[in-house]
Amino acid sequence: MKINFCSCCGAPMEKKIPPDDDHPRYVCTQCSHVHYENPKMVVGCLPIFKDQVLMCKRNIEPRKGKWTLPAGYLENKESVQDGALRETLEETRAHVKIIDTYRLFNIVFVDQIYLIFRAQMEDDLFGPTSESTEVKLFKEADIPWDEIAFEVIRQTLVDFFQDRKQGAYPFKIKDLKPSRLQDLR
């Protein structure tokens, strides 16, 4: 994303390599403030109730109308755990308790890092919100695989159901590569 004006003084920006750096950055032509562009952190939960997973149908773009796990951008001054709990509540109205970290995905082609926690639902209360038109518990056989919003969610679910058969849920870091479908968008 191009940065045109300095957020400190409003002067025009130029892209150059600042002293003692090795990457081009947007630097203010007046006050020399360096504006860093960093990946976005997405946090979410894989909410579990008995043998089912809670999913929500997106009411916002991108991928409106597709199914996902509750997740969203981490806010400033928020821990990753608090962000995942907030996003779960905002998208499903469900209260969950985090069990442990489950997956971290490096998605460098869209400048994102996805961190998913396994979480236990505290009760069976949930429902749609302004961000989700439908919220539903799914058994593995009923997951709407052809309607999953994002590849990172698909991979998380596939891993979870495989891990559940083994009775162990190891934390893993994965790199998500662009698929042919994503390249065509």
Protein backbone atom coordinates (compact mmCIF):
# COMPACT_ATOMS: atom_id res chain seq x y z
CA MET A 1 0.00 0.00 0.00
CA LYS A 2 1.37 3.38 -0.93
CA ILE A 3 1.69 5.95 1.87
CA ASN A 4 1.32 9.45 0.47
CA PHE A 5 1.51 11.68 3.55
CA CYS A 6 3.26 11.51 6.90
CA SER A 7 0.99 10.67 9.83
CA CYS A 8 3.21 12.79 12.10
CA CYS A 9 3.43 16.08 10.19
CA GLY A 10 1.37 15.65 6.99
CA ALA A 11 4.28 16.20 4.59
CA PRO A 12 4.72 14.09 1.43
CA MET A 13 6.44 10.71 1.70
CA GLU A 14 9.14 9.14 -0.43
CA LYS A 15 10.15 5.51 -0.64
CA LYS A 16 13.82 4.94 0.08
CA ILE A 17 16.17 2.88 2.20
CA PRO A 18 16.72 4.75 5.47
CA PRO A 19 20.20 4.90 7.03
CA ASP A 20 21.11 1.69 8.92
CA ASP A 21 18.29 -0.23 7.19
CA ASP A 22 18.21 -2.66 4.28
CA HIS A 23 14.57 -2.40 3.11
CA PRO A 24 12.85 0.39 1.20
CA ARG A 25 10.48 2.26 3.54
CA TYR A 26 8.20 5.27 3.32
CA VAL A 27 10.12 8.19 4.83
CA CYS A 28 8.76 11.67 5.46
CA THR A 29 10.41 14.35 3.31
CA GLN A 30 10.08 16.88 6.17
CA CYS A 31 10.49 15.21 9.58
CA SER A 32 12.25 12.01 8.35
CA HIS A 33 9.83 9.78 10.28
CA VAL A 34 10.00 6.21 8.94
CA HIS A 35 6.61 4.55 8.35
CA TYR A 36 6.92 0.78 8.63
CA GLU A 37 4.55 -1.58 6.88
CA ASN A 38 4.20 -4.84 8.79
CA PRO A 39 2.11 -7.99 8.40
CA LYS A 40 -1.37 -8.06 9.90
CA MET A 41 -1.98 -10.51 12.73
CA VAL A 42 -5.22 -12.50 12.49
CA VAL A 43 -6.32 -14.39 15.61
CA GLY A 44 -9.17 -16.80 16.10
CA CYS A 45 -10.55 -19.89 17.73
CA LEU A 46 -11.53 -23.38 16.77
CA PRO A 47 -14.48 -23.59 19.22
CA ILE A 48 -15.38 -27.13 20.29
CA PHE A 49 -18.61 -28.31 21.91
CA LYS A 50 -18.70 -32.05 22.63
CA ASP A 51 -17.76 -33.62 19.26
CA GLN A 52 -18.69 -30.59 17.16
CA VAL A 53 -16.97 -27.45 15.86
CA LEU A 54 -18.66 -24.04 15.88
CA MET A 55 -18.52 -22.18 12.57
CA CYS A 56 -20.05 -18.98 11.28
CA LYS A 57 -21.26 -17.86 7.86
CA ARG A 58 -19.64 -14.52 6.98
CA ASN A 59 -21.83 -11.44 6.65
CA ILE A 60 -18.91 -9.26 5.57
CA GLU A 61 -16.47 -9.23 2.67
CA PRO A 62 -14.23 -10.80 1.74
CA ARG A 63 -15.97 -14.11 1.03
CA LYS A 64 -19.36 -13.01 2.32
CA GLY A 65 -21.73 -15.98 2.57
CA LYS A 66 -18.94 -18.54 3.11
CA TRP A 67 -18.25 -20.52 6.28
CA THR A 68 -15.30 -19.86 8.58
CA LEU A 69 -14.01 -20.21 12.10
CA PRO A 70 -14.35 -17.03 14.18
CA ALA A 71 -11.23 -14.94 13.58
CA GLY A 72 -10.17 -11.40 12.80
CA TYR A 73 -7.48 -8.78 13.08
CA LEU A 74 -5.73 -8.29 16.38
CA GLU A 75 -6.30 -4.82 17.85
CA ASN A 76 -3.61 -2.60 19.37
CA LYS A 77 -3.14 -3.10 23.13
CA GLU A 78 -4.74 -6.56 22.91
CA SER A 79 -3.10 -9.93 23.62
CA VAL A 80 -3.51 -12.67 21.02
CA GLN A 81 -5.65 -14.63 23.48
CA ASP A 82 -7.92 -11.65 24.22
CA GLY A 83 -8.25 -10.93 20.50
CA ALA A 84 -9.26 -14.51 19.73
CA LEU A 85 -11.84 -14.48 22.53
CA ARG A 86 -13.21 -11.10 21.37
CA GLU A 87 -13.48 -12.22 17.75
CA THR A 88 -15.26 -15.42 18.78
CA LEU A 89 -17.77 -13.45 20.84
CA GLU A 90 -18.26 -10.81 18.13
CA GLU A 91 -18.87 -13.37 15.38
CA THR A 92 -20.74 -16.13 17.25
CA ARG A 93 -21.90 -14.75 20.63
CA ALA A 94 -20.20 -17.83 22.12
CA HIS A 95 -18.14 -17.74 25.29
CA VAL A 96 -15.11 -20.01 25.05
CA LYS A 97 -12.12 -20.97 27.14
CA ILE A 98 -8.84 -21.29 25.32
CA ILE A 99 -7.31 -24.77 25.58
CA ASP A 100 -4.03 -24.08 23.79
CA THR A 101 -2.41 -22.67 20.68
CA TYR A 102 -3.07 -24.88 17.70
CA ARG A 103 -1.86 -23.47 14.38
CA LEU A 104 0.19 -20.56 13.18
CA PHE A 105 0.12 -19.87 9.45
CA ASN A 106 2.57 -17.61 7.63
CA ILE A 107 0.62 -16.18 4.70
CA VAL A 108 3.30 -13.95 3.25
CA PHE A 109 1.61 -13.41 -0.12
CA VAL A 110 -1.12 -11.36 1.64
CA ASP A 111 1.10 -10.06 4.48
CA GLN A 112 -0.78 -11.93 7.22
CA ILE A 113 0.02 -14.19 10.13
CA TYR A 114 -2.88 -16.38 11.34
CA LEU A 115 -2.89 -17.76 14.90
CA ILE A 116 -5.64 -20.21 15.79
CA PHE A 117 -6.37 -21.47 19.31
CA ARG A 118 -8.28 -24.62 20.20
CA ALA A 119 -11.07 -23.52 22.53
CA GLN A 120 -13.78 -25.19 24.57
CA MET A 121 -17.25 -23.66 24.46
CA GLU A 122 -18.42 -22.86 27.99
CA ASP A 123 -22.05 -23.63 27.09
CA ASP A 124 -24.19 -24.19 24.01
CA LEU A 125 -25.29 -20.55 23.69
CA PHE A 126 -24.37 -18.94 20.38
CA GLY A 127 -26.02 -17.17 17.48
CA PRO A 128 -25.70 -14.83 14.53
CA THR A 129 -24.31 -11.31 14.84
CA SER A 130 -23.87 -8.37 12.50
CA GLU A 131 -20.72 -10.14 11.22
CA SER A 132 -22.29 -13.61 10.77
CA THR A 133 -25.63 -14.48 9.16
CA GLU A 134 -25.60 -18.00 10.58
CA VAL A 135 -23.71 -19.76 13.37
CA LYS A 136 -23.84 -23.52 13.64
CA LEU A 137 -22.22 -26.54 15.29
CA PHE A 138 -20.89 -29.09 12.81
CA LYS A 139 -19.85 -32.72 13.14
CA GLU A 140 -16.96 -33.65 10.88
CA ALA A 141 -19.23 -35.32 8.31
CA ASP A 142 -21.39 -32.18 8.05
CA ILE A 143 -18.69 -29.55 7.50
CA PRO A 144 -19.62 -27.52 4.37
CA TRP A 145 -16.22 -28.14 2.74
CA ASP A 146 -17.22 -26.56 -0.60
CA GLU A 147 -18.31 -23.39 1.19
CA ILE A 148 -15.22 -22.69 3.33
CA ALA A 149 -14.18 -19.03 3.08
CA PHE A 150 -10.39 -19.35 3.35
CA GLU A 151 -7.76 -22.02 2.73
CA VAL A 152 -6.25 -21.39 6.17
CA ILE A 153 -9.57 -22.41 7.74
CA ARG A 154 -9.83 -25.52 5.56
CA GLN A 155 -6.31 -26.61 6.55
CA THR A 156 -7.01 -25.96 10.23
CA LEU A 157 -10.16 -28.11 10.12
CA VAL A 158 -8.47 -30.92 8.18
CA ASP A 159 -5.61 -30.95 10.69
CA PHE A 160 -8.00 -30.87 13.65
CA PHE A 161 -10.05 -33.85 12.53
CA GLN A 162 -6.88 -35.84 11.76
CA ASP A 163 -5.38 -34.90 15.14
CA ARG A 164 -8.59 -35.80 16.95
CA LYS A 165 -8.33 -39.36 15.61
CA GLN A 166 -4.82 -39.54 17.10
CA GLY A 167 -5.92 -37.97 20.39
CA ALA A 168 -3.11 -35.38 20.26
CA TYR A 169 -3.19 -31.76 19.08
CA PRO A 170 0.38 -30.58 18.51
CA PHE A 171 1.09 -26.92 17.83
CA LYS A 172 2.41 -26.49 14.29
CA ILE A 173 3.66 -23.61 12.19
CA LYS A 174 2.78 -23.80 8.51
CA ASP A 175 3.43 -21.70 5.42
CA LEU A 176 0.39 -21.19 3.24
CA LYS A 177 1.21 -20.77 -0.44
CA PRO A 178 -1.08 -19.10 -2.96
CA SER A 179 -3.29 -21.55 -4.79
CA ARG A 180 -4.14 -21.26 -8.46
CA LEU A 181 -7.63 -20.07 -7.49
CA GLN A 182 -6.19 -17.35 -5.26
CA ASP A 183 -3.83 -16.27 -8.06
CA LEU A 184 -6.82 -15.71 -10.36
CA ARG A 185 -8.59 -13.30 -7.98
